[in-house]
Amino acid sequence: MIEEDETAVVYQYNAACGIWFYPAALLLLVAVSFDIGWPTRVSAAPLAPCMLVVHVPALVDARRIRAAMGGGGVQISGRRYSFSNPLRIRVRKEAP
């Protein structure tokens, strides 16, 4: 979440984490499959902080976004892997 006001909450996709997460996960999978020692440790090191800081909290946000999509209260703009125009998801809050 990057912004919140009385009418909406804005979430932004972290492109930097998304870009290096998948190659690191692939390297980890290959290293574990072939029982390679040092590549396993090298690829696992950046995955742990990414999982704890970005992906785990994003699961909670994803539930909120999915629930709002059912009611049509979501606006999406930007591009997923762009640093200059990042993906932003604006979710309207329900009126009390």
PDB file of N, CA and C in Angstrom:
ATOM      1  N   MET A   1       0.851  -1.167   0.000  1.00  0.00           N
ATOM      2  CA  MET A   1       0.000   0.000   0.000  1.00  0.00           C
ATOM      3  C   MET A   1       0.899   1.233   0.000  1.00  0.00           C
ATOM      4  N   ILE A   2       0.618   2.161  -0.898  1.00  0.00           N
ATOM      5  CA  ILE A   2       1.434   3.376  -0.939  1.00  0.00           C
ATOM      6  C   ILE A   2       0.653   4.628  -0.582  1.00  0.00           C
ATOM      7  N   GLU A   3      -0.652   4.614  -0.801  1.00  0.00           N
ATOM      8  CA  GLU A   3      -1.484   5.770  -0.475  1.00  0.00           C
ATOM      9  C   GLU A   3      -2.807   5.280   0.097  1.00  0.00           C
ATOM     10  N   GLU A   4      -3.357   6.093   0.992  1.00  0.00           N
ATOM     11  CA  GLU A   4      -4.684   5.788   1.510  1.00  0.00           C
ATOM     12  C   GLU A   4      -5.350   7.095   1.895  1.00  0.00           C
ATOM     13  N   ASP A   5      -6.589   7.240   1.490  1.00  0.00           N
ATOM     14  CA  ASP A   5      -7.383   8.384   1.918  1.00  0.00           C
ATOM     15  C   ASP A   5      -8.771   7.867   2.294  1.00  0.00           C
ATOM     16  N   GLU A   6      -9.723   8.758   2.495  1.00  0.00           N
ATOM     17  CA  GLU A   6     -11.041   8.327   2.949  1.00  0.00           C
ATOM     18  C   GLU A   6     -11.852   7.613   1.872  1.00  0.00           C
ATOM     19  N   THR A   7     -11.456   7.737   0.603  1.00  0.00           N
ATOM     20  CA  THR A   7     -12.234   7.116  -0.469  1.00  0.00           C
ATOM     21  C   THR A   7     -11.579   5.892  -1.104  1.00  0.00           C
ATOM     22  N   ALA A   8     -10.238   5.785  -1.041  1.00  0.00           N
ATOM     23  CA  ALA A   8      -9.567   4.690  -1.748  1.00  0.00           C
ATOM     24  C   ALA A   8      -8.214   4.340  -1.131  1.00  0.00           C
ATOM     25  N   VAL A   9      -7.747   3.163  -1.495  1.00  0.00           N
ATOM     26  CA  VAL A   9      -6.408   2.688  -1.133  1.00  0.00           C
ATOM     27  C   VAL A   9      -5.685   2.375  -2.437  1.00  0.00           C
ATOM     28  N   VAL A  10      -4.406   2.795  -2.553  1.00  0.00           N
ATOM     29  CA  VAL A  10      -3.630   2.555  -3.760  1.00  0.00           C
ATOM     30  C   VAL A  10      -2.483   1.609  -3.433  1.00  0.00           C
ATOM     31  N   TYR A  11      -2.382   0.533  -4.199  1.00  0.00           N
ATOM     32  CA  TYR A  11      -1.299  -0.439  -4.073  1.00  0.00           C
ATOM     33  C   TYR A  11      -0.394  -0.299  -5.293  1.00  0.00           C
ATOM     34  N   GLN A  12       0.908  -0.548  -5.110  1.00  0.00           N
ATOM     35  CA  GLN A  12       1.860  -0.462  -6.221  1.00  0.00           C
ATOM     36  C   GLN A  12       2.686  -1.731  -6.268  1.00  0.00           C
ATOM     37  N   TYR A  13       2.833  -2.285  -7.455  1.00  0.00           N
ATOM     38  CA  TYR A  13       3.637  -3.497  -7.662  1.00  0.00           C
ATOM     39  C   TYR A  13       5.119  -3.146  -7.596  1.00  0.00           C
ATOM     40  N   ASN A  14       5.889  -3.938  -6.876  1.00  0.00           N
ATOM     41  CA  ASN A  14       7.326  -3.721  -6.742  1.00  0.00           C
ATOM     42  C   ASN A  14       8.046  -4.435  -7.889  1.00  0.00           C
ATOM     43  N   ALA A  15       8.374  -3.693  -8.941  1.00  0.00           N
ATOM     44  CA  ALA A  15       8.984  -4.283 -10.134  1.00  0.00           C
ATOM     45  C   ALA A  15      10.367  -4.848  -9.855  1.00  0.00           C
ATOM     46  N   ALA A  16      11.136  -4.214  -8.987  1.00  0.00           N
ATOM     47  CA  ALA A  16      12.502  -4.680  -8.708  1.00  0.00           C
ATOM     48  C   ALA A  16      12.481  -6.082  -8.114  1.00  0.00           C
ATOM     49  N   CYS A  17      11.587  -6.329  -7.198  1.00  0.00           N
ATOM     50  CA  CYS A  17      11.510  -7.661  -6.592  1.00  0.00           C
ATOM     51  C   CYS A  17      11.021  -8.680  -7.609  1.00  0.00           C
ATOM     52  N   GLY A  18      10.059  -8.302  -8.426  1.00  0.00           N
ATOM     53  CA  GLY A  18       9.530  -9.223  -9.425  1.00  0.00           C
ATOM     54  C   GLY A  18      10.553  -9.619 -10.465  1.00  0.00           C
ATOM     55  N   ILE A  19      11.424  -8.682 -10.815  1.00  0.00           N
ATOM     56  CA  ILE A  19      12.420  -8.954 -11.852  1.00  0.00           C
ATOM     57  C   ILE A  19      13.468  -9.951 -11.380  1.00  0.00           C
ATOM     58  N   TRP A  20      13.963  -9.825 -10.138  1.00  0.00           N
ATOM     59  CA  TRP A  20      15.017 -10.741  -9.705  1.00  0.00           C
ATOM     60  C   TRP A  20      14.496 -11.949  -8.962  1.00  0.00           C
ATOM     61  N   PHE A  21      13.217 -11.970  -8.605  1.00  0.00           N
ATOM     62  CA  PHE A  21      12.674 -13.114  -7.879  1.00  0.00           C
ATOM     63  C   PHE A  21      12.643 -14.376  -8.740  1.00  0.00           C
ATOM     64  N   TYR A  22      12.150 -14.275  -9.965  1.00  0.00           N
ATOM     65  CA  TYR A  22      11.983 -15.460 -10.802  1.00  0.00           C
ATOM     66  C   TYR A  22      13.313 -16.078 -11.248  1.00  0.00           C
ATOM     67  N   PRO A  23      14.326 -15.292 -11.662  1.00  0.00           N
ATOM     68  CA  PRO A  23      15.615 -15.928 -11.959  1.00  0.00           C
ATOM     69  C   PRO A  23      16.252 -16.581 -10.730  1.00  0.00           C
ATOM     70  N   ALA A  24      16.117 -15.946  -9.576  1.00  0.00           N
ATOM     71  CA  ALA A  24      16.676 -16.540  -8.362  1.00  0.00           C
ATOM     72  C   ALA A  24      15.948 -17.831  -7.999  1.00  0.00           C
ATOM     73  N   ALA A  25      14.626 -17.851  -8.169  1.00  0.00           N
ATOM     74  CA  ALA A  25      13.859 -19.061  -7.895  1.00  0.00           C
ATOM     75  C   ALA A  25      14.226 -20.177  -8.869  1.00  0.00           C
ATOM     76  N   LEU A  26      14.444 -19.833 -10.135  1.00  0.00           N
ATOM     77  CA  LEU A  26      14.847 -20.822 -11.127  1.00  0.00           C
ATOM     78  C   LEU A  26      16.232 -21.387 -10.796  1.00  0.00           C
ATOM     79  N   LEU A  27      17.163 -20.513 -10.417  1.00  0.00           N
ATOM     80  CA  LEU A  27      18.495 -20.970 -10.031  1.00  0.00           C
ATOM     81  C   LEU A  27      18.424 -21.884  -8.811  1.00  0.00           C
ATOM     82  N   LEU A  28      17.582 -21.545  -7.860  1.00  0.00           N
ATOM     83  CA  LEU A  28      17.413 -22.391  -6.674  1.00  0.00           C
ATOM     84  C   LEU A  28      16.861 -23.763  -7.061  1.00  0.00           C
ATOM     85  N   LEU A  29      15.874 -23.786  -7.948  1.00  0.00           N
ATOM     86  CA  LEU A  29      15.290 -25.051  -8.382  1.00  0.00           C
ATOM     87  C   LEU A  29      16.330 -25.923  -9.084  1.00  0.00           C
ATOM     88  N   VAL A  30      17.128 -25.336  -9.966  1.00  0.00           N
ATOM     89  CA  VAL A  30      18.170 -26.091 -10.672  1.00  0.00           C
ATOM     90  C   VAL A  30      19.224 -26.574  -9.690  1.00  0.00           C
ATOM     91  N   ALA A  31      19.632 -25.703  -8.761  1.00  0.00           N
ATOM     92  CA  ALA A  31      20.672 -26.079  -7.804  1.00  0.00           C
ATOM     93  C   ALA A  31      20.205 -27.206  -6.891  1.00  0.00           C
ATOM     94  N   VAL A  32      18.970 -27.166  -6.461  1.00  0.00           N
ATOM     95  CA  VAL A  32      18.444 -28.225  -5.609  1.00  0.00           C
ATOM     96  C   VAL A  32      18.276 -29.515  -6.410  1.00  0.00           C
ATOM     97  N   SER A  33      17.837 -29.408  -7.651  1.00  0.00           N
ATOM     98  CA  SER A  33      17.629 -30.598  -8.486  1.00  0.00           C
ATOM     99  C   SER A  33      18.928 -31.344  -8.753  1.00  0.00           C
ATOM    100  N   PHE A  34      20.013 -30.605  -8.984  1.00  0.00           N
ATOM    101  CA  PHE A  34      21.299 -31.229  -9.298  1.00  0.00           C
ATOM    102  C   PHE A  34      22.228 -31.304  -8.098  1.00  0.00           C
ATOM    103  N   ASP A  35      21.727 -30.968  -6.919  1.00  0.00           N
ATOM    104  CA  ASP A  35      22.491 -31.022  -5.670  1.00  0.00           C
ATOM    105  C   ASP A  35      23.797 -30.232  -5.781  1.00  0.00           C
ATOM    106  N   ILE A  36      23.678 -28.979  -6.208  1.00  0.00           N
ATOM    107  CA  ILE A  36      24.824 -28.087  -6.332  1.00  0.00           C
ATOM    108  C   ILE A  36      24.886 -27.260  -5.057  1.00  0.00           C
ATOM    109  N   GLY A  37      26.032 -27.190  -4.412  1.00  0.00           N
ATOM    110  CA  GLY A  37      26.153 -26.546  -3.111  1.00  0.00           C
ATOM    111  C   GLY A  37      26.041 -25.036  -3.098  1.00  0.00           C
ATOM    112  N   TRP A  38      27.036 -24.329  -3.635  1.00  0.00           N
ATOM    113  CA  TRP A  38      27.063 -22.865  -3.486  1.00  0.00           C
ATOM    114  C   TRP A  38      25.975 -22.130  -4.256  1.00  0.00           C
ATOM    115  N   PRO A  39      25.525 -22.579  -5.447  1.00  0.00           N
ATOM    116  CA  PRO A  39      24.418 -21.859  -6.089  1.00  0.00           C
ATOM    117  C   PRO A  39      23.125 -21.913  -5.279  1.00  0.00           C
ATOM    118  N   THR A  40      22.948 -22.989  -4.521  1.00  0.00           N
ATOM    119  CA  THR A  40      21.755 -23.081  -3.686  1.00  0.00           C
ATOM    120  C   THR A  40      21.749 -21.977  -2.646  1.00  0.00           C
ATOM    121  N   ARG A  41      22.877 -21.784  -1.980  1.00  0.00           N
ATOM    122  CA  ARG A  41      22.960 -20.743  -0.960  1.00  0.00           C
ATOM    123  C   ARG A  41      22.874 -19.353  -1.575  1.00  0.00           C
ATOM    124  N   VAL A  42      23.501 -19.156  -2.731  1.00  0.00           N
ATOM    125  CA  VAL A  42      23.484 -17.846  -3.389  1.00  0.00           C
ATOM    126  C   VAL A  42      22.073 -17.483  -3.841  1.00  0.00           C
ATOM    127  N   SER A  43      21.330 -18.442  -4.374  1.00  0.00           N
ATOM    128  CA  SER A  43      19.986 -18.138  -4.859  1.00  0.00           C
ATOM    129  C   SER A  43      18.971 -18.057  -3.721  1.00  0.00           C
ATOM    130  N   ALA A  44      19.206 -18.767  -2.631  1.00  0.00           N
ATOM    131  CA  ALA A  44      18.265 -18.729  -1.511  1.00  0.00           C
ATOM    132  C   ALA A  44      18.389 -17.436  -0.714  1.00  0.00           C
ATOM    133  N   ALA A  45      19.548 -16.822  -0.713  1.00  0.00           N
ATOM    134  CA  ALA A  45      19.758 -15.596   0.074  1.00  0.00           C
ATOM    135  C   ALA A  45      18.810 -14.469  -0.331  1.00  0.00           C
ATOM    136  N   PRO A  46      18.653 -14.129  -1.631  1.00  0.00           N
ATOM    137  CA  PRO A  46      17.721 -13.044  -1.959  1.00  0.00           C
ATOM    138  C   PRO A  46      16.254 -13.458  -1.914  1.00  0.00           C
ATOM    139  N   LEU A  47      15.965 -14.753  -1.933  1.00  0.00           N
ATOM    140  CA  LEU A  47      14.574 -15.181  -1.919  1.00  0.00           C
ATOM    141  C   LEU A  47      13.920 -15.003  -0.556  1.00  0.00           C
ATOM    142  N   ALA A  48      14.664 -15.226   0.506  1.00  0.00           N
ATOM    143  CA  ALA A  48      14.084 -15.131   1.848  1.00  0.00           C
ATOM    144  C   ALA A  48      13.574 -13.727   2.161  1.00  0.00           C
ATOM    145  N   PRO A  49      14.382 -12.673   1.990  1.00  0.00           N
ATOM    146  CA  PRO A  49      13.847 -11.333   2.269  1.00  0.00           C
ATOM    147  C   PRO A  49      12.693 -10.959   1.342  1.00  0.00           C
ATOM    148  N   CYS A  50      12.773 -11.385   0.095  1.00  0.00           N
ATOM    149  CA  CYS A  50      11.703 -11.071  -0.856  1.00  0.00           C
ATOM    150  C   CYS A  50      10.393 -11.719  -0.415  1.00  0.00           C
ATOM    151  N   MET A  51      10.452 -12.952   0.020  1.00  0.00           N
ATOM    152  CA  MET A  51       9.246 -13.644   0.465  1.00  0.00           C
ATOM    153  C   MET A  51       8.664 -12.978   1.709  1.00  0.00           C
ATOM    154  N   LEU A  52       9.517 -12.620   2.660  1.00  0.00           N
ATOM    155  CA  LEU A  52       9.034 -12.045   3.906  1.00  0.00           C
ATOM    156  C   LEU A  52       8.537 -10.619   3.752  1.00  0.00           C
ATOM    157  N   VAL A  53       9.237  -9.814   2.963  1.00  0.00           N
ATOM    158  CA  VAL A  53       8.927  -8.392   2.873  1.00  0.00           C
ATOM    159  C   VAL A  53       7.884  -8.087   1.805  1.00  0.00           C
ATOM    160  N   VAL A  54       7.897  -8.810   0.710  1.00  0.00           N
ATOM    161  CA  VAL A  54       7.027  -8.453  -0.406  1.00  0.00           C
ATOM    162  C   VAL A  54       5.894  -9.450  -0.613  1.00  0.00           C
ATOM    163  N   HIS A  55       6.203 -10.705  -0.774  1.00  0.00           N
ATOM    164  CA  HIS A  55       5.190 -11.665  -1.199  1.00  0.00           C
ATOM    165  C   HIS A  55       4.196 -12.053  -0.119  1.00  0.00           C
ATOM    166  N   VAL A  56       4.633 -12.228   1.108  1.00  0.00           N
ATOM    167  CA  VAL A  56       3.702 -12.620   2.173  1.00  0.00           C
ATOM    168  C   VAL A  56       2.687 -11.509   2.463  1.00  0.00           C
ATOM    169  N   PRO A  57       3.114 -10.233   2.668  1.00  0.00           N
ATOM    170  CA  PRO A  57       2.106  -9.182   2.861  1.00  0.00           C
ATOM    171  C   PRO A  57       1.217  -8.970   1.628  1.00  0.00           C
ATOM    172  N   ALA A  58       1.735  -9.263   0.449  1.00  0.00           N
ATOM    173  CA  ALA A  58       0.948  -9.082  -0.770  1.00  0.00           C
ATOM    174  C   ALA A  58      -0.239 -10.045  -0.826  1.00  0.00           C
ATOM    175  N   LEU A  59      -0.160 -11.169  -0.136  1.00  0.00           N
ATOM    176  CA  LEU A  59      -1.283 -12.111  -0.115  1.00  0.00           C
ATOM    177  C   LEU A  59      -2.507 -11.476   0.540  1.00  0.00           C
ATOM    178  N   VAL A  60      -2.296 -10.718   1.600  1.00  0.00           N
ATOM    179  CA  VAL A  60      -3.405 -10.031   2.266  1.00  0.00           C
ATOM    180  C   VAL A  60      -3.995  -8.973   1.339  1.00  0.00           C
ATOM    181  N   ASP A  61      -3.116  -8.209   0.691  1.00  0.00           N
ATOM    182  CA  ASP A  61      -3.580  -7.190  -0.250  1.00  0.00           C
ATOM    183  C   ASP A  61      -4.328  -7.813  -1.420  1.00  0.00           C
ATOM    184  N   ALA A  62      -3.865  -8.950  -1.895  1.00  0.00           N
ATOM    185  CA  ALA A  62      -4.509  -9.621  -3.029  1.00  0.00           C
ATOM    186  C   ALA A  62      -5.936 -10.029  -2.681  1.00  0.00           C
ATOM    187  N   ARG A  63      -6.181 -10.449  -1.456  1.00  0.00           N
ATOM    188  CA  ARG A  63      -7.536 -10.799  -1.036  1.00  0.00           C
ATOM    189  C   ARG A  63      -8.452  -9.579  -1.085  1.00  0.00           C
ATOM    190  N   ARG A  64      -7.942  -8.449  -0.599  1.00  0.00           N
ATOM    191  CA  ARG A  64      -8.741  -7.220  -0.621  1.00  0.00           C
ATOM    192  C   ARG A  64      -9.045  -6.789  -2.053  1.00  0.00           C
ATOM    193  N   ILE A  65      -8.040  -6.906  -2.927  1.00  0.00           N
ATOM    194  CA  ILE A  65      -8.217  -6.503  -4.322  1.00  0.00           C
ATOM    195  C   ILE A  65      -9.227  -7.411  -5.011  1.00  0.00           C
ATOM    196  N   ARG A  66      -9.124  -8.733  -4.789  1.00  0.00           N
ATOM    197  CA  ARG A  66     -10.072  -9.667  -5.396  1.00  0.00           C
ATOM    198  C   ARG A  66     -11.499  -9.400  -4.932  1.00  0.00           C
ATOM    199  N   ALA A  67     -11.659  -9.105  -3.642  1.00  0.00           N
ATOM    200  CA  ALA A  67     -12.998  -8.814  -3.124  1.00  0.00           C
ATOM    201  C   ALA A  67     -13.566  -7.546  -3.761  1.00  0.00           C
ATOM    202  N   ALA A  68     -12.722  -6.530  -3.950  1.00  0.00           N
ATOM    203  CA  ALA A  68     -13.180  -5.282  -4.561  1.00  0.00           C
ATOM    204  C   ALA A  68     -13.473  -5.461  -6.046  1.00  0.00           C
ATOM    205  N   MET A  69     -12.767  -6.368  -6.712  1.00  0.00           N
ATOM    206  CA  MET A  69     -13.010  -6.597  -8.137  1.00  0.00           C
ATOM    207  C   MET A  69     -14.410  -7.142  -8.375  1.00  0.00           C
ATOM    208  N   GLY A  70     -14.921  -7.903  -7.433  1.00  0.00           N
ATOM    209  CA  GLY A  70     -16.270  -8.435  -7.561  1.00  0.00           C
ATOM    210  C   GLY A  70     -17.316  -7.333  -7.573  1.00  0.00           C
ATOM    211  N   GLY A  71     -17.036  -6.240  -6.858  1.00  0.00           N
ATOM    212  CA  GLY A  71     -17.969  -5.128  -6.808  1.00  0.00           C
ATOM    213  C   GLY A  71     -17.663  -4.029  -7.797  1.00  0.00           C
ATOM    214  N   GLY A  72     -16.636  -4.193  -8.611  1.00  0.00           N
ATOM    215  CA  GLY A  72     -16.284  -3.196  -9.611  1.00  0.00           C
ATOM    216  C   GLY A  72     -15.599  -1.967  -9.043  1.00  0.00           C
ATOM    217  N   GLY A  73     -14.972  -2.080  -7.889  1.00  0.00           N
ATOM    218  CA  GLY A  73     -14.337  -0.929  -7.256  1.00  0.00           C
ATOM    219  C   GLY A  73     -12.838  -0.867  -7.438  1.00  0.00           C
ATOM    220  N   VAL A  74     -12.320  -1.329  -8.587  1.00  0.00           N
ATOM    221  CA  VAL A  74     -10.885  -1.375  -8.814  1.00  0.00           C
ATOM    222  C   VAL A  74     -10.522  -0.644 -10.100  1.00  0.00           C
ATOM    223  N   GLN A  75      -9.471   0.185 -10.030  1.00  0.00           N
ATOM    224  CA  GLN A  75      -8.902   0.820 -11.220  1.00  0.00           C
ATOM    225  C   GLN A  75      -7.435   0.411 -11.287  1.00  0.00           C
ATOM    226  N   ILE A  76      -6.994  -0.040 -12.460  1.00  0.00           N
ATOM    227  CA  ILE A  76      -5.615  -0.479 -12.645  1.00  0.00           C
ATOM    228  C   ILE A  76      -4.962   0.405 -13.695  1.00  0.00           C
ATOM    229  N   SER A  77      -3.727   0.860 -13.392  1.00  0.00           N
ATOM    230  CA  SER A  77      -2.984   1.673 -14.359  1.00  0.00           C
ATOM    231  C   SER A  77      -1.511   1.307 -14.279  1.00  0.00           C
ATOM    232  N   GLY A  78      -0.774   1.599 -15.348  1.00  0.00           N
ATOM    233  CA  GLY A  78       0.662   1.342 -15.374  1.00  0.00           C
ATOM    234  C   GLY A  78       1.015   0.005 -15.980  1.00  0.00           C
ATOM    235  N   ARG A  79       2.306  -0.323 -15.872  1.00  0.00           N
ATOM    236  CA  ARG A  79       2.823  -1.576 -16.420  1.00  0.00           C
ATOM    237  C   ARG A  79       3.543  -2.340 -15.329  1.00  0.00           C
ATOM    238  N   ARG A  80       3.469  -3.658 -15.391  1.00  0.00           N
ATOM    239  CA  ARG A  80       3.977  -4.500 -14.312  1.00  0.00           C
ATOM    240  C   ARG A  80       5.481  -4.381 -14.109  1.00  0.00           C
ATOM    241  N   TYR A  81       6.275  -4.408 -15.168  1.00  0.00           N
ATOM    242  CA  TYR A  81       7.731  -4.389 -15.020  1.00  0.00           C
ATOM    243  C   TYR A  81       8.336  -3.049 -15.426  1.00  0.00           C
ATOM    244  N   SER A  82       7.619  -1.966 -15.237  1.00  0.00           N
ATOM    245  CA  SER A  82       8.109  -0.639 -15.576  1.00  0.00           C
ATOM    246  C   SER A  82       8.488   0.119 -14.305  1.00  0.00           C
ATOM    247  N   PHE A  83       9.682   0.722 -14.321  1.00  0.00           N
ATOM    248  CA  PHE A  83      10.091   1.549 -13.188  1.00  0.00           C
ATOM    249  C   PHE A  83       9.543   2.965 -13.325  1.00  0.00           C
ATOM    250  N   SER A  84       9.349   3.446 -14.552  1.00  0.00           N
ATOM    251  CA  SER A  84       8.867   4.807 -14.761  1.00  0.00           C
ATOM    252  C   SER A  84       7.338   4.901 -14.671  1.00  0.00           C
ATOM    253  N   ASN A  85       6.628   3.834 -14.982  1.00  0.00           N
ATOM    254  CA  ASN A  85       5.169   3.820 -14.921  1.00  0.00           C
ATOM    255  C   ASN A  85       4.729   2.520 -14.238  1.00  0.00           C
ATOM    256  N   PRO A  86       4.938   2.413 -12.912  1.00  0.00           N
ATOM    257  CA  PRO A  86       4.667   1.145 -12.228  1.00  0.00           C
ATOM    258  C   PRO A  86       3.177   0.825 -12.165  1.00  0.00           C
ATOM    259  N   LEU A  87       2.896  -0.451 -12.051  1.00  0.00           N
ATOM    260  CA  LEU A  87       1.525  -0.926 -11.936  1.00  0.00           C
ATOM    261  C   LEU A  87       0.942  -0.432 -10.614  1.00  0.00           C
ATOM    262  N   ARG A  88      -0.178   0.269 -10.695  1.00  0.00           N
ATOM    263  CA  ARG A  88      -0.871   0.763  -9.511  1.00  0.00           C
ATOM    264  C   ARG A  88      -2.311   0.275  -9.548  1.00  0.00           C
ATOM    265  N   ILE A  89      -2.772  -0.178  -8.407  1.00  0.00           N
ATOM    266  CA  ILE A  89      -4.129  -0.683  -8.280  1.00  0.00           C
ATOM    267  C   ILE A  89      -4.843   0.176  -7.243  1.00  0.00           C
ATOM    268  N   ARG A  90      -5.889   0.859  -7.678  1.00  0.00           N
ATOM    269  CA  ARG A  90      -6.664   1.738  -6.793  1.00  0.00           C
ATOM    270  C   ARG A  90      -7.968   1.019  -6.430  1.00  0.00           C
ATOM    271  N   VAL A  91      -8.163   0.805  -5.129  1.00  0.00           N
ATOM    272  CA  VAL A  91      -9.336   0.106  -4.634  1.00  0.00           C
ATOM    273  C   VAL A  91     -10.194   1.101  -3.850  1.00  0.00           C
ATOM    274  N   ARG A  92     -11.427   1.268  -4.313  1.00  0.00           N
ATOM    275  CA  ARG A  92     -12.353   2.171  -3.599  1.00  0.00           C
ATOM    276  C   ARG A  92     -12.799   1.541  -2.300  1.00  0.00           C
ATOM    277  N   LYS A  93     -12.917   2.381  -1.272  1.00  0.00           N
ATOM    278  CA  LYS A  93     -13.435   1.921   0.007  1.00  0.00           C
ATOM    279  C   LYS A  93     -14.953   1.955  -0.026  1.00  0.00           C
ATOM    280  N   GLU A  94     -15.549   1.065   0.719  1.00  0.00           N
ATOM    281  CA  GLU A  94     -17.006   1.018   0.809  1.00  0.00           C
ATOM    282  C   GLU A  94     -17.496   2.149   1.697  1.00  0.00           C
ATOM    283  N   ALA A  95     -18.590   2.764   1.329  1.00  0.00           N
ATOM    284  CA  ALA A  95     -19.184   3.825   2.156  1.00  0.00           C
ATOM    285  C   ALA A  95     -19.773   3.210   3.421  1.00  0.00           C
ATOM    286  N   PRO A  96     -19.594   3.867   4.582  1.00  0.00           N
ATOM    287  CA  PRO A  96     -20.128   3.302   5.834  1.00  0.00           C
ATOM    288  C   PRO A  96     -21.632   3.370   5.909  1.00  0.00           C
TER     289      PRO A  96
END
